[in-house]
Amino acid sequence: FVELRDGTSEKPVQKDVKSIWVLDLHNIIARHFHVQKNPLDVPKMVLGGIVNIIEKYRGIESVICAADSPELTFRHQISPEYKSNRAAKEQDYVTAKQATYEVVGATGIPVVTVDGYEADDIIATIVEHRGEFNAVVVSNDKDCNQLLENGVMRFSNNEFLKQSDIVAKWGVRPEQFVDYQMLLGDSTDCVVGL
């Protein structure tokens, strides 16, 4: 990520705290879409939120957005029922999503998609290969809890969640969260528990 840290910034950053913020763009778009009357307001709201994060929190060296692939993922190969309970996206949502990708991408903030993978997979890969950076995962998706460790937090609903918060709220450590989810299942993704 060295090349992403070499850009100039008008705002001073704390050089002793290097952090990369990885945004679940699909998750953020969906949240804004459901509260906006006009789908064309979504890109403006998403970009405004990103700018607010950058302004508010010092020490951000890089911001990267991860987005879901439009293709089916490897999870669909494992289980054809995966997300089969979700209605097809309405055209307004598709329009809002594409417009947001374009607006965010035009700022120079990378929007990463990989065919066959979801934003969660991309986020996990970036976190795993973050080098000397601390990482902040911006997502309301509780699946991201499994990524939390020393140097990695999740930012959700204007609060930071760390390892101890996962233990306090769910009673499991982040590295146990996949097993926890497997036992419970996930009705939003049409995943049956044990």
Protein backbone atom coordinates (compact mmCIF):
# COMPACT_ATOMS: atom_id res chain seq x y z
CA PHE A 1 0.00 0.00 0.00
CA VAL A 2 3.01 2.29 -0.17
CA GLU A 3 1.83 3.90 -3.40
CA LEU A 4 -1.46 4.83 -1.72
CA ARG A 5 0.36 6.59 1.12
CA ASP A 6 2.42 8.88 -1.10
CA GLY A 7 -0.42 11.25 -2.00
CA THR A 8 -0.50 14.76 -0.63
CA SER A 9 -2.97 15.95 1.95
CA GLU A 10 -3.87 19.42 3.11
CA LYS A 11 -4.76 18.07 6.55
CA PRO A 12 -2.00 17.02 8.92
CA VAL A 13 -2.00 13.38 10.00
CA GLN A 14 -0.42 11.76 13.02
CA LYS A 15 2.62 10.05 11.57
CA ASP A 16 2.95 7.76 14.58
CA VAL A 17 -0.43 6.12 13.87
CA LYS A 18 -0.67 4.69 10.38
CA SER A 19 -4.06 3.35 9.46
CA ILE A 20 -5.83 2.08 6.41
CA TRP A 21 -9.59 2.38 6.32
CA VAL A 22 -11.33 -0.29 4.26
CA LEU A 23 -14.91 0.61 3.43
CA ASP A 24 -17.57 -1.95 2.57
CA LEU A 25 -18.99 0.16 -0.24
CA HIS A 26 -21.84 -2.23 -1.02
CA ASN A 27 -22.97 -2.13 2.62
CA ILE A 28 -22.73 1.67 2.78
CA ILE A 29 -24.66 2.14 -0.49
CA ALA A 30 -27.45 -0.18 0.70
CA ARG A 31 -27.83 1.74 3.98
CA HIS A 32 -28.06 5.10 2.20
CA PHE A 33 -30.33 3.79 -0.55
CA HIS A 34 -33.00 2.72 1.92
CA VAL A 35 -33.24 6.19 3.53
CA GLN A 36 -33.07 8.35 0.38
CA LYS A 37 -36.10 9.29 -1.70
CA ASN A 38 -34.02 9.89 -4.82
CA PRO A 39 -31.47 7.23 -5.84
CA LEU A 40 -29.28 9.93 -7.38
CA ASP A 41 -28.79 11.40 -3.89
CA VAL A 42 -27.04 8.19 -2.78
CA PRO A 43 -23.60 8.95 -4.31
CA LYS A 44 -23.60 12.39 -2.72
CA MET A 45 -24.47 10.93 0.69
CA VAL A 46 -21.86 8.15 0.45
CA LEU A 47 -19.12 10.52 -0.68
CA GLY A 48 -20.09 12.99 2.06
CA GLY A 49 -19.76 10.22 4.63
CA ILE A 50 -16.32 9.26 3.35
CA VAL A 51 -15.17 12.88 3.45
CA ASN A 52 -16.51 13.22 7.01
CA ILE A 53 -14.52 10.16 8.11
CA ILE A 54 -11.33 11.52 6.56
CA GLU A 55 -11.87 14.95 8.17
CA LYS A 56 -12.80 13.60 11.60
CA TYR A 57 -10.20 10.90 12.13
CA ARG A 58 -6.54 11.81 11.87
CA GLY A 59 -3.88 9.29 10.98
CA ILE A 60 -5.68 7.85 7.98
CA GLU A 61 -2.97 6.96 5.50
CA SER A 62 -5.23 5.25 2.96
CA VAL A 63 -8.87 4.72 2.17
CA ILE A 64 -9.92 1.81 -0.02
CA CYS A 65 -13.45 0.79 -0.93
CA ALA A 66 -14.34 -2.86 -1.43
CA ALA A 67 -17.38 -3.77 -3.51
CA ASP A 68 -19.24 -6.97 -4.33
CA SER A 69 -18.68 -8.64 -7.68
CA PRO A 70 -21.71 -8.48 -9.97
CA GLU A 71 -21.01 -12.15 -10.79
CA LEU A 72 -22.10 -15.10 -8.67
CA THR A 73 -19.53 -15.94 -6.01
CA PHE A 74 -17.83 -19.15 -4.99
CA ARG A 75 -20.42 -19.34 -2.18
CA HIS A 76 -23.14 -19.90 -4.78
CA GLN A 77 -21.16 -22.91 -6.04
CA ILE A 78 -21.02 -24.32 -2.52
CA SER A 79 -24.70 -23.66 -1.87
CA PRO A 80 -27.06 -22.70 -4.70
CA GLU A 81 -29.49 -21.41 -2.04
CA TYR A 82 -27.00 -18.75 -0.94
CA LYS A 83 -28.87 -15.40 -0.89
CA SER A 84 -31.72 -16.98 -2.88
CA ASN A 85 -34.21 -15.36 -0.50
CA ARG A 86 -33.29 -11.87 -1.71
CA ALA A 87 -35.41 -10.14 -4.30
CA ALA A 88 -33.74 -8.93 -7.47
CA LYS A 89 -32.31 -5.43 -7.07
CA GLU A 90 -34.63 -2.77 -8.39
CA GLN A 91 -33.34 -0.54 -11.19
CA ASP A 92 -33.11 2.51 -8.88
CA TYR A 93 -30.70 0.60 -6.65
CA VAL A 94 -28.55 -0.50 -9.60
CA THR A 95 -28.47 3.12 -10.83
CA ALA A 96 -27.50 4.41 -7.38
CA LYS A 97 -24.77 1.78 -7.02
CA GLN A 98 -23.20 2.48 -10.42
CA ALA A 99 -23.33 6.24 -9.89
CA THR A 100 -21.69 5.85 -6.47
CA TYR A 101 -18.87 3.69 -7.88
CA GLU A 102 -18.21 6.37 -10.50
CA VAL A 103 -18.33 9.30 -8.07
CA VAL A 104 -16.10 7.62 -5.47
CA GLY A 105 -13.71 6.34 -8.14
CA ALA A 106 -13.41 9.85 -9.62
CA THR A 107 -11.96 11.08 -6.30
CA GLY A 108 -9.00 8.75 -6.69
CA ILE A 109 -10.18 6.46 -3.88
CA PRO A 110 -9.76 2.92 -5.21
CA VAL A 111 -12.95 0.88 -5.59
CA VAL A 112 -11.86 -2.77 -5.66
CA THR A 113 -14.02 -5.54 -7.09
CA VAL A 114 -12.90 -9.06 -7.94
CA ASP A 115 -15.04 -11.37 -10.07
CA GLY A 116 -16.59 -14.12 -7.97
CA TYR A 117 -15.92 -12.47 -4.61
CA GLU A 118 -17.84 -10.26 -2.21
CA ALA A 119 -16.64 -7.11 -0.52
CA ASP A 120 -16.12 -9.15 2.69
CA ASP A 121 -13.54 -11.31 0.90
CA ILE A 122 -11.68 -8.29 -0.44
CA ILE A 123 -11.75 -6.60 2.96
CA ALA A 124 -10.35 -9.73 4.63
CA THR A 125 -7.54 -9.92 2.05
CA ILE A 126 -6.60 -6.27 2.54
CA VAL A 127 -6.63 -6.67 6.34
CA GLU A 128 -4.52 -9.81 6.13
CA HIS A 129 -1.90 -8.08 3.96
CA ARG A 130 -1.95 -4.65 5.63
CA GLY A 131 1.72 -4.70 6.64
CA GLU A 132 2.58 -2.07 9.26
CA PHE A 133 -0.83 -0.42 9.09
CA ASN A 134 -3.58 -0.56 11.64
CA ALA A 135 -6.86 -1.27 9.87
CA VAL A 136 -10.36 0.04 10.38
CA VAL A 137 -13.12 -1.86 8.61
CA VAL A 138 -16.12 0.38 7.95
CA SER A 139 -19.15 -1.89 7.72
CA ASN A 140 -22.33 -2.80 9.54
CA ASP A 141 -21.88 -6.39 8.39
CA LYS A 142 -21.28 -8.50 11.49
CA ASP A 143 -19.40 -11.04 9.35
CA CYS A 144 -16.48 -8.59 9.57
CA ASN A 145 -16.22 -9.32 13.32
CA GLN A 146 -14.01 -12.31 12.51
CA LEU A 147 -11.31 -9.91 11.26
CA LEU A 148 -10.82 -8.09 14.54
CA GLU A 149 -7.45 -8.55 16.21
CA ASN A 150 -4.69 -6.35 17.57
CA GLY A 151 -4.46 -3.46 15.15
CA VAL A 152 -7.86 -4.10 13.53
CA MET A 153 -11.17 -2.52 14.54
CA ARG A 154 -14.60 -2.27 12.96
CA PHE A 155 -16.38 1.07 12.62
CA SER A 156 -20.14 0.64 12.66
CA ASN A 157 -22.93 3.07 13.51
CA ASN A 158 -20.41 5.73 14.55
CA GLU A 159 -18.64 3.52 17.05
CA PHE A 160 -15.43 1.54 17.03
CA LEU A 161 -15.63 -2.14 17.87
CA LYS A 162 -12.57 -4.04 19.02
CA GLN A 163 -11.95 -7.64 20.03
CA SER A 164 -13.26 -7.22 23.57
CA ASP A 165 -16.51 -5.69 22.27
CA ILE A 166 -17.19 -8.84 20.24
CA VAL A 167 -16.65 -11.00 23.31
CA ALA A 168 -18.91 -8.74 25.39
CA LYS A 169 -21.74 -8.62 22.83
CA TRP A 170 -21.70 -12.12 21.31
CA GLY A 171 -19.81 -14.17 23.89
CA VAL A 172 -17.19 -15.41 21.42
CA ARG A 173 -13.76 -14.21 20.34
CA PRO A 174 -13.40 -12.82 16.80
CA GLU A 175 -11.56 -15.93 15.61
CA GLN A 176 -14.57 -18.00 16.78
CA PHE A 177 -17.11 -15.83 14.97
CA VAL A 178 -17.22 -17.99 11.83
CA ASP A 179 -18.07 -21.05 13.93
CA TYR A 180 -20.65 -19.03 15.87
CA GLN A 181 -22.31 -17.91 12.62
CA MET A 182 -22.18 -21.45 11.22
CA LEU A 183 -24.01 -22.79 14.28
CA LEU A 184 -26.67 -20.06 14.21
CA GLY A 185 -27.03 -19.71 10.46
CA ASP A 186 -27.81 -16.43 8.76
CA SER A 187 -31.36 -15.92 7.50
CA THR A 188 -30.38 -12.78 5.55
CA ASP A 189 -28.07 -14.90 3.37
CA CYS A 190 -30.32 -18.00 3.38
CA VAL A 191 -27.68 -19.97 5.30
CA VAL A 192 -29.15 -22.66 7.56
CA GLY A 193 -27.50 -23.23 10.93
CA LEU A 194 -26.70 -26.54 12.52
